[in-house]
């Protein structure tokens, strides 16, 4: 089992959670093919909306990859992003700043946002557990049944 972080604005992941899917790096296929069924994914939202400037800087969703299939979805004539089904869990939105000092994937605590510039990356297990324990206060309760 692996653990992943993907960077998605809050407005976009809200749609993903409602639909039981995720997209990564503006709909690219590559990141999704690196995941396996049962892997965990945490969504980091630097902003409230993709088009806006209002910062959020919080972990906003957590779930597990629900199926092996990576598929395309036609959102418009010229945008057909790749998706992966995810079972999301009820969680508490968790600001990142209080956790920065404890997260090992951020070696430079002054420039802690640097790792997120890639949009998708594997997370060490101990960092995953730290974030997960802040987001999930009880046993994971599915929001959807993908």
N, C-alpha and C. Protein backbone atom coordinates (compact mmCIF):
# COMPACT_ATOMS: atom_id res chain seq x y z
N UNK A 1 0.85 -1.18 0.00
CA UNK A 1 0.00 0.00 0.00
C UNK A 1 0.89 1.24 0.00
N UNK A 2 0.48 2.22 -0.79
CA UNK A 2 1.21 3.49 -0.86
C UNK A 2 0.28 4.62 -0.46
N UNK A 3 0.91 5.76 -0.20
CA UNK A 3 0.19 6.96 0.23
C UNK A 3 0.57 8.10 -0.71
N UNK A 4 -0.41 8.88 -1.11
CA UNK A 4 -0.20 9.92 -2.10
C UNK A 4 -0.81 11.25 -1.64
N UNK A 5 -0.24 12.32 -2.15
CA UNK A 5 -0.85 13.65 -2.01
C UNK A 5 -1.05 14.18 -3.41
N UNK A 6 -2.21 14.77 -3.64
CA UNK A 6 -2.44 15.50 -4.88
C UNK A 6 -2.95 16.88 -4.51
N UNK A 7 -2.61 17.84 -5.34
CA UNK A 7 -2.95 19.24 -5.10
C UNK A 7 -4.15 19.61 -5.95
N UNK A 8 -5.23 20.02 -5.29
CA UNK A 8 -6.49 20.34 -5.96
C UNK A 8 -7.17 21.47 -5.19
N UNK A 9 -7.69 22.44 -5.89
CA UNK A 9 -8.42 23.51 -5.21
C UNK A 9 -9.65 22.93 -4.51
N UNK A 10 -10.09 23.60 -3.47
CA UNK A 10 -11.23 23.11 -2.67
C UNK A 10 -12.49 22.96 -3.52
N UNK A 11 -12.76 23.93 -4.41
CA UNK A 11 -13.97 23.82 -5.22
C UNK A 11 -13.93 22.60 -6.13
N UNK A 12 -12.76 22.26 -6.66
CA UNK A 12 -12.68 21.10 -7.55
C UNK A 12 -12.76 19.78 -6.78
N UNK A 13 -12.13 19.69 -5.62
CA UNK A 13 -12.21 18.42 -4.90
C UNK A 13 -13.59 18.20 -4.31
N UNK A 14 -14.32 19.26 -4.05
CA UNK A 14 -15.70 19.10 -3.59
C UNK A 14 -16.51 18.33 -4.63
N UNK A 15 -16.30 18.64 -5.91
CA UNK A 15 -16.97 17.89 -6.99
C UNK A 15 -16.46 16.46 -7.06
N UNK A 16 -15.16 16.28 -6.86
CA UNK A 16 -14.59 14.93 -6.89
C UNK A 16 -15.14 14.05 -5.78
N UNK A 17 -15.22 14.61 -4.58
CA UNK A 17 -15.76 13.84 -3.45
C UNK A 17 -17.21 13.47 -3.72
N UNK A 18 -18.00 14.42 -4.20
CA UNK A 18 -19.42 14.15 -4.49
C UNK A 18 -19.58 13.06 -5.55
N UNK A 19 -18.68 13.04 -6.52
CA UNK A 19 -18.77 12.07 -7.61
C UNK A 19 -17.97 10.80 -7.38
N UNK A 20 -17.17 10.74 -6.30
CA UNK A 20 -16.39 9.55 -6.02
C UNK A 20 -15.23 9.33 -6.97
N UNK A 21 -14.58 10.40 -7.40
CA UNK A 21 -13.45 10.28 -8.32
C UNK A 21 -12.37 11.28 -7.97
N UNK A 22 -11.19 11.10 -8.58
CA UNK A 22 -10.14 12.09 -8.48
C UNK A 22 -9.51 12.28 -9.84
N UNK A 23 -8.99 13.46 -10.04
CA UNK A 23 -8.17 13.80 -11.19
C UNK A 23 -6.89 14.36 -10.61
N UNK A 24 -5.81 14.30 -11.38
CA UNK A 24 -4.54 14.83 -10.90
C UNK A 24 -3.87 15.60 -12.02
N UNK A 25 -3.18 16.65 -11.63
CA UNK A 25 -2.40 17.44 -12.59
C UNK A 25 -3.22 17.83 -13.82
N UNK A 26 -4.37 18.42 -13.57
CA UNK A 26 -5.26 18.90 -14.63
C UNK A 26 -5.70 17.79 -15.58
N UNK A 27 -5.95 16.62 -15.03
CA UNK A 27 -6.53 15.53 -15.81
C UNK A 27 -5.53 14.63 -16.51
N UNK A 28 -4.26 14.71 -16.15
CA UNK A 28 -3.25 13.85 -16.79
C UNK A 28 -3.40 12.40 -16.33
N UNK A 29 -3.05 11.48 -17.21
CA UNK A 29 -3.19 10.05 -16.93
C UNK A 29 -2.05 9.51 -16.07
N UNK A 30 -0.84 9.99 -16.28
CA UNK A 30 0.35 9.44 -15.64
C UNK A 30 0.27 9.26 -14.14
N UNK A 31 -0.06 10.30 -13.37
CA UNK A 31 -0.11 10.11 -11.92
C UNK A 31 -1.10 9.03 -11.48
N UNK A 32 -2.23 8.96 -12.16
CA UNK A 32 -3.26 8.00 -11.76
C UNK A 32 -2.82 6.56 -11.99
N UNK A 33 -1.96 6.33 -12.99
CA UNK A 33 -1.50 4.97 -13.28
C UNK A 33 -0.48 4.49 -12.25
N UNK A 34 0.10 5.40 -11.49
CA UNK A 34 1.06 5.02 -10.45
C UNK A 34 0.37 4.48 -9.20
N UNK A 35 -0.92 4.71 -9.08
CA UNK A 35 -1.68 4.29 -7.91
C UNK A 35 -2.23 2.88 -8.09
N UNK A 36 -2.52 2.23 -6.97
CA UNK A 36 -3.12 0.90 -7.00
C UNK A 36 -4.37 0.90 -6.12
N UNK A 37 -5.26 -0.02 -6.41
CA UNK A 37 -6.46 -0.15 -5.59
C UNK A 37 -6.05 -0.35 -4.13
N UNK A 38 -6.69 0.41 -3.24
CA UNK A 38 -6.38 0.34 -1.82
C UNK A 38 -5.39 1.39 -1.34
N UNK A 39 -4.65 2.01 -2.27
CA UNK A 39 -3.76 3.10 -1.89
C UNK A 39 -4.58 4.25 -1.32
N UNK A 40 -3.98 4.99 -0.41
CA UNK A 40 -4.62 6.16 0.19
C UNK A 40 -4.19 7.42 -0.55
N UNK A 41 -5.09 8.39 -0.61
CA UNK A 41 -4.76 9.68 -1.19
C UNK A 41 -5.30 10.78 -0.28
N UNK A 42 -4.45 11.78 -0.07
CA UNK A 42 -4.84 12.97 0.68
C UNK A 42 -4.82 14.13 -0.28
N UNK A 43 -5.86 14.95 -0.22
CA UNK A 43 -5.96 16.11 -1.10
C UNK A 43 -5.51 17.35 -0.32
N UNK A 44 -4.55 18.05 -0.90
CA UNK A 44 -4.10 19.33 -0.35
C UNK A 44 -4.66 20.45 -1.23
N UNK A 45 -5.32 21.41 -0.61
CA UNK A 45 -5.92 22.53 -1.34
C UNK A 45 -5.22 23.83 -0.93
N UNK A 46 -4.37 24.36 -1.82
CA UNK A 46 -3.71 25.62 -1.50
C UNK A 46 -4.67 26.81 -1.55
N UNK A 47 -5.72 26.68 -2.39
CA UNK A 47 -6.68 27.77 -2.57
C UNK A 47 -8.11 27.24 -2.48
N UNK A 48 -9.02 28.17 -2.21
CA UNK A 48 -10.44 27.79 -2.15
C UNK A 48 -11.00 27.49 -3.53
N UNK A 49 -10.55 28.27 -4.54
CA UNK A 49 -11.03 28.01 -5.90
C UNK A 49 -9.86 28.13 -6.88
N UNK A 50 -9.96 27.39 -7.95
CA UNK A 50 -8.89 27.38 -8.94
C UNK A 50 -8.69 28.77 -9.55
N UNK A 51 -9.77 29.46 -9.80
CA UNK A 51 -9.69 30.76 -10.46
C UNK A 51 -9.38 31.90 -9.48
N UNK A 52 -9.65 31.70 -8.20
CA UNK A 52 -9.50 32.76 -7.22
C UNK A 52 -8.10 32.83 -6.61
N UNK A 53 -7.92 33.82 -5.76
CA UNK A 53 -6.65 34.02 -5.07
C UNK A 53 -6.73 33.76 -3.57
N UNK A 54 -7.92 33.41 -3.08
CA UNK A 54 -8.09 33.23 -1.64
C UNK A 54 -7.41 31.93 -1.18
N UNK A 55 -6.41 32.08 -0.32
CA UNK A 55 -5.65 30.93 0.17
C UNK A 55 -6.49 30.07 1.11
N UNK A 56 -6.19 28.78 1.11
CA UNK A 56 -6.78 27.85 2.06
C UNK A 56 -5.68 27.12 2.83
N UNK A 57 -4.71 26.55 2.12
CA UNK A 57 -3.57 25.85 2.71
C UNK A 57 -3.99 24.80 3.72
N UNK A 58 -4.82 23.87 3.26
CA UNK A 58 -5.34 22.83 4.15
C UNK A 58 -5.49 21.51 3.40
N UNK A 59 -5.45 20.43 4.17
CA UNK A 59 -5.80 19.11 3.63
C UNK A 59 -7.32 19.04 3.69
N UNK A 60 -7.95 18.76 2.55
CA UNK A 60 -9.39 18.91 2.45
C UNK A 60 -10.16 17.62 2.19
N UNK A 61 -9.49 16.55 1.79
CA UNK A 61 -10.18 15.28 1.54
C UNK A 61 -9.19 14.14 1.71
N UNK A 62 -9.73 12.98 2.06
CA UNK A 62 -8.91 11.78 2.22
C UNK A 62 -9.73 10.58 1.76
N UNK A 63 -9.07 9.66 1.06
CA UNK A 63 -9.80 8.49 0.58
C UNK A 63 -8.87 7.39 0.12
N UNK A 64 -9.47 6.33 -0.40
CA UNK A 64 -8.72 5.19 -0.91
C UNK A 64 -9.14 4.91 -2.35
N UNK A 65 -8.14 4.55 -3.15
CA UNK A 65 -8.40 4.19 -4.54
C UNK A 65 -9.31 2.98 -4.54
N UNK A 66 -10.43 3.06 -5.29
CA UNK A 66 -11.48 2.05 -5.20
C UNK A 66 -11.46 1.02 -6.33
N UNK A 67 -10.75 1.30 -7.41
CA UNK A 67 -10.76 0.38 -8.55
C UNK A 67 -9.48 0.52 -9.35
N UNK A 68 -9.19 -0.49 -10.16
CA UNK A 68 -7.96 -0.48 -10.96
C UNK A 68 -8.05 0.43 -12.18
N UNK A 69 -9.26 0.68 -12.66
CA UNK A 69 -9.44 1.38 -13.93
C UNK A 69 -9.11 2.87 -13.86
N UNK A 70 -8.31 3.32 -14.83
CA UNK A 70 -8.11 4.75 -15.10
C UNK A 70 -8.90 5.02 -16.37
N UNK A 71 -9.79 5.99 -16.32
CA UNK A 71 -10.68 6.22 -17.45
C UNK A 71 -10.77 7.71 -17.79
N UNK A 72 -11.20 7.99 -19.01
CA UNK A 72 -11.41 9.37 -19.43
C UNK A 72 -12.87 9.74 -19.28
N UNK A 73 -13.09 11.01 -18.96
CA UNK A 73 -14.44 11.52 -18.80
C UNK A 73 -14.56 12.80 -19.62
N UNK A 74 -15.59 12.85 -20.44
CA UNK A 74 -15.78 14.01 -21.32
C UNK A 74 -16.48 15.13 -20.56
N UNK A 75 -15.71 16.15 -20.18
CA UNK A 75 -16.29 17.30 -19.49
C UNK A 75 -16.77 18.35 -20.49
N UNK A 76 -16.07 18.41 -21.63
CA UNK A 76 -16.46 19.30 -22.72
C UNK A 76 -15.84 18.73 -23.99
N UNK A 77 -16.12 19.37 -25.12
CA UNK A 77 -15.58 18.88 -26.40
C UNK A 77 -14.06 18.84 -26.41
N UNK A 78 -13.42 19.78 -25.73
CA UNK A 78 -11.96 19.86 -25.79
C UNK A 78 -11.29 19.52 -24.45
N UNK A 79 -12.03 19.00 -23.47
CA UNK A 79 -11.42 18.61 -22.20
C UNK A 79 -11.97 17.26 -21.76
N UNK A 80 -11.10 16.24 -21.84
CA UNK A 80 -11.46 14.87 -21.46
C UNK A 80 -10.40 14.36 -20.48
N UNK A 81 -10.52 14.77 -19.22
CA UNK A 81 -9.51 14.38 -18.24
C UNK A 81 -9.60 12.91 -17.86
N UNK A 82 -8.48 12.40 -17.37
CA UNK A 82 -8.44 11.04 -16.84
C UNK A 82 -8.85 11.09 -15.37
N UNK A 83 -9.54 10.02 -14.95
CA UNK A 83 -10.05 9.93 -13.58
C UNK A 83 -9.77 8.56 -13.00
N UNK A 84 -9.89 8.51 -11.68
CA UNK A 84 -9.77 7.26 -10.95
C UNK A 84 -10.84 7.28 -9.86
N UNK A 85 -11.56 6.18 -9.66
CA UNK A 85 -12.58 6.11 -8.62
C UNK A 85 -11.92 6.03 -7.24
N UNK A 86 -12.48 6.80 -6.30
CA UNK A 86 -11.96 6.88 -4.94
C UNK A 86 -13.12 6.82 -3.96
N UNK A 87 -12.94 6.06 -2.88
CA UNK A 87 -13.87 6.10 -1.76
C UNK A 87 -13.34 7.14 -0.80
N UNK A 88 -14.07 8.22 -0.66
CA UNK A 88 -13.67 9.29 0.27
C UNK A 88 -14.33 9.07 1.62
N UNK A 89 -13.67 9.59 2.65
CA UNK A 89 -14.16 9.44 4.01
C UNK A 89 -14.50 10.80 4.61
N UNK A 90 -15.49 10.79 5.51
CA UNK A 90 -15.82 12.01 6.24
C UNK A 90 -14.57 12.42 7.02
N UNK A 91 -14.22 13.71 6.91
CA UNK A 91 -13.00 14.16 7.55
C UNK A 91 -13.12 15.62 7.97
N UNK A 92 -12.16 16.02 8.77
CA UNK A 92 -12.06 17.39 9.23
C UNK A 92 -11.01 18.09 8.35
N UNK A 93 -11.37 19.22 7.76
CA UNK A 93 -10.41 20.01 7.01
C UNK A 93 -9.28 20.39 7.96
N UNK A 94 -8.05 20.17 7.54
CA UNK A 94 -6.90 20.30 8.43
C UNK A 94 -5.87 21.28 7.88
N UNK A 95 -5.70 22.43 8.52
CA UNK A 95 -4.68 23.38 8.07
C UNK A 95 -3.28 22.76 8.12
N UNK A 96 -2.46 23.09 7.14
CA UNK A 96 -1.13 22.51 7.05
C UNK A 96 -0.11 23.18 7.96
N UNK A 97 -0.20 24.48 8.15
CA UNK A 97 0.84 25.23 8.86
C UNK A 97 1.17 24.64 10.23
N UNK A 98 0.19 24.24 11.05
CA UNK A 98 0.56 23.66 12.36
C UNK A 98 1.31 22.32 12.26
N UNK A 99 1.28 21.66 11.11
CA UNK A 99 1.93 20.36 10.94
C UNK A 99 3.31 20.44 10.29
N UNK A 100 3.65 21.58 9.70
CA UNK A 100 4.87 21.71 8.91
C UNK A 100 6.11 21.22 9.65
N UNK A 101 6.28 21.59 10.90
CA UNK A 101 7.48 21.22 11.66
C UNK A 101 7.63 19.71 11.81
N UNK A 102 6.50 18.96 11.74
CA UNK A 102 6.54 17.52 11.96
C UNK A 102 6.61 16.70 10.68
N UNK A 103 6.39 17.32 9.53
CA UNK A 103 6.31 16.58 8.27
C UNK A 103 7.69 16.43 7.63
N UNK A 104 8.10 15.18 7.41
CA UNK A 104 9.45 14.91 6.90
C UNK A 104 9.60 15.19 5.40
N UNK A 105 8.49 15.18 4.64
CA UNK A 105 8.62 15.41 3.21
C UNK A 105 8.90 16.87 2.87
N UNK A 106 8.96 17.72 3.88
CA UNK A 106 9.28 19.13 3.72
C UNK A 106 10.62 19.41 4.41
N UNK A 107 11.74 19.15 3.76
CA UNK A 107 13.02 19.34 4.44
C UNK A 107 13.33 20.80 4.78
N UNK A 108 12.85 21.73 3.95
CA UNK A 108 13.07 23.15 4.20
C UNK A 108 11.77 23.73 4.76
N UNK A 109 11.73 23.90 6.05
CA UNK A 109 10.50 24.36 6.72
C UNK A 109 10.16 25.81 6.36
N UNK A 110 11.13 26.60 5.92
CA UNK A 110 10.87 27.98 5.51
C UNK A 110 10.15 28.02 4.15
N UNK A 111 10.49 27.07 3.28
CA UNK A 111 9.86 26.98 1.95
C UNK A 111 9.02 25.70 1.89
N UNK A 112 8.14 25.53 2.85
CA UNK A 112 7.40 24.28 2.99
C UNK A 112 6.51 23.96 1.80
N UNK A 113 6.10 24.94 1.03
CA UNK A 113 5.21 24.70 -0.10
C UNK A 113 5.89 24.09 -1.32
N UNK A 114 7.20 24.04 -1.33
CA UNK A 114 7.94 23.57 -2.49
C UNK A 114 7.52 22.19 -3.00
N UNK A 115 7.36 21.17 -2.14
CA UNK A 115 6.99 19.84 -2.66
C UNK A 115 5.66 19.82 -3.42
N UNK A 116 4.78 20.76 -3.13
CA UNK A 116 3.45 20.76 -3.75
C UNK A 116 3.47 21.26 -5.19
N UNK A 117 4.56 21.85 -5.62
CA UNK A 117 4.61 22.40 -6.98
C UNK A 117 4.50 21.31 -8.05
N UNK A 118 4.79 20.06 -7.68
CA UNK A 118 4.67 18.95 -8.62
C UNK A 118 3.22 18.52 -8.81
N UNK A 119 2.35 18.83 -7.86
CA UNK A 119 0.93 18.52 -7.98
C UNK A 119 0.53 17.13 -7.54
N UNK A 120 1.50 16.20 -7.47
CA UNK A 120 1.19 14.82 -7.11
C UNK A 120 2.49 14.15 -6.69
N UNK A 121 2.48 13.51 -5.51
CA UNK A 121 3.69 12.82 -5.08
C UNK A 121 3.36 11.78 -4.03
N UNK A 122 4.29 10.82 -3.88
CA UNK A 122 4.14 9.78 -2.86
C UNK A 122 4.53 10.36 -1.50
N UNK A 123 3.81 9.95 -0.49
CA UNK A 123 3.97 10.46 0.86
C UNK A 123 4.54 9.36 1.75
N UNK A 124 5.56 9.66 2.57
CA UNK A 124 6.05 8.64 3.52
C UNK A 124 4.94 8.23 4.49
N UNK A 125 4.95 6.96 4.89
CA UNK A 125 3.91 6.42 5.75
C UNK A 125 3.73 7.16 7.06
N UNK A 126 4.83 7.57 7.71
CA UNK A 126 4.69 8.27 8.99
C UNK A 126 4.07 9.65 8.80
N UNK A 127 4.34 10.32 7.67
CA UNK A 127 3.69 11.61 7.39
C UNK A 127 2.20 11.40 7.11
N UNK A 128 1.90 10.32 6.37
CA UNK A 128 0.50 10.00 6.11
C UNK A 128 -0.26 9.81 7.42
N UNK A 129 0.30 9.03 8.34
CA UNK A 129 -0.38 8.76 9.61
C UNK A 129 -0.60 10.04 10.41
N UNK A 130 0.37 10.93 10.40
CA UNK A 130 0.23 12.20 11.11
C UNK A 130 -0.95 13.01 10.56
N UNK A 131 -1.00 13.13 9.23
CA UNK A 131 -2.08 13.91 8.60
C UNK A 131 -3.42 13.19 8.79
N UNK A 132 -3.44 11.89 8.54
CA UNK A 132 -4.67 11.10 8.67
C UNK A 132 -5.26 11.23 10.08
N UNK A 133 -4.40 11.17 11.09
CA UNK A 133 -4.89 11.26 12.48
C UNK A 133 -5.49 12.62 12.79
N UNK A 134 -5.10 13.65 12.08
CA UNK A 134 -5.70 14.97 12.24
C UNK A 134 -7.03 15.07 11.49
N UNK A 135 -7.12 14.38 10.35
CA UNK A 135 -8.30 14.48 9.50
C UNK A 135 -9.44 13.56 9.92
N UNK A 136 -9.09 12.36 10.37
CA UNK A 136 -10.09 11.35 10.74
C UNK A 136 -10.07 11.20 12.25
N UNK A 137 -11.16 11.53 12.90
CA UNK A 137 -11.19 11.45 14.36
C UNK A 137 -11.70 10.10 14.85
N UNK A 138 -12.36 9.33 14.00
CA UNK A 138 -12.88 8.01 14.36
C UNK A 138 -12.51 7.03 13.25
N UNK A 139 -13.16 5.88 13.26
CA UNK A 139 -13.00 4.93 12.16
C UNK A 139 -13.45 5.61 10.87
N UNK A 140 -12.75 5.36 9.77
CA UNK A 140 -13.16 6.00 8.51
C UNK A 140 -14.60 5.67 8.13
N UNK A 141 -15.38 6.71 7.86
CA UNK A 141 -16.77 6.57 7.46
C UNK A 141 -16.88 7.01 6.00
N UNK A 142 -17.19 6.06 5.10
CA UNK A 142 -17.28 6.44 3.68
C UNK A 142 -18.36 7.47 3.41
N UNK A 143 -18.03 8.39 2.53
CA UNK A 143 -19.01 9.37 2.04
C UNK A 143 -19.74 8.79 0.84
N UNK A 144 -18.98 8.04 0.04
CA UNK A 144 -19.51 7.41 -1.17
C UNK A 144 -19.09 5.95 -1.18
N UNK A 145 -19.68 5.18 -2.04
CA UNK A 145 -19.35 3.76 -2.10
C UNK A 145 -18.78 3.38 -3.45
N UNK A 146 -17.74 4.04 -3.87
CA UNK A 146 -17.10 3.70 -5.14
C UNK A 146 -16.30 2.44 -4.98
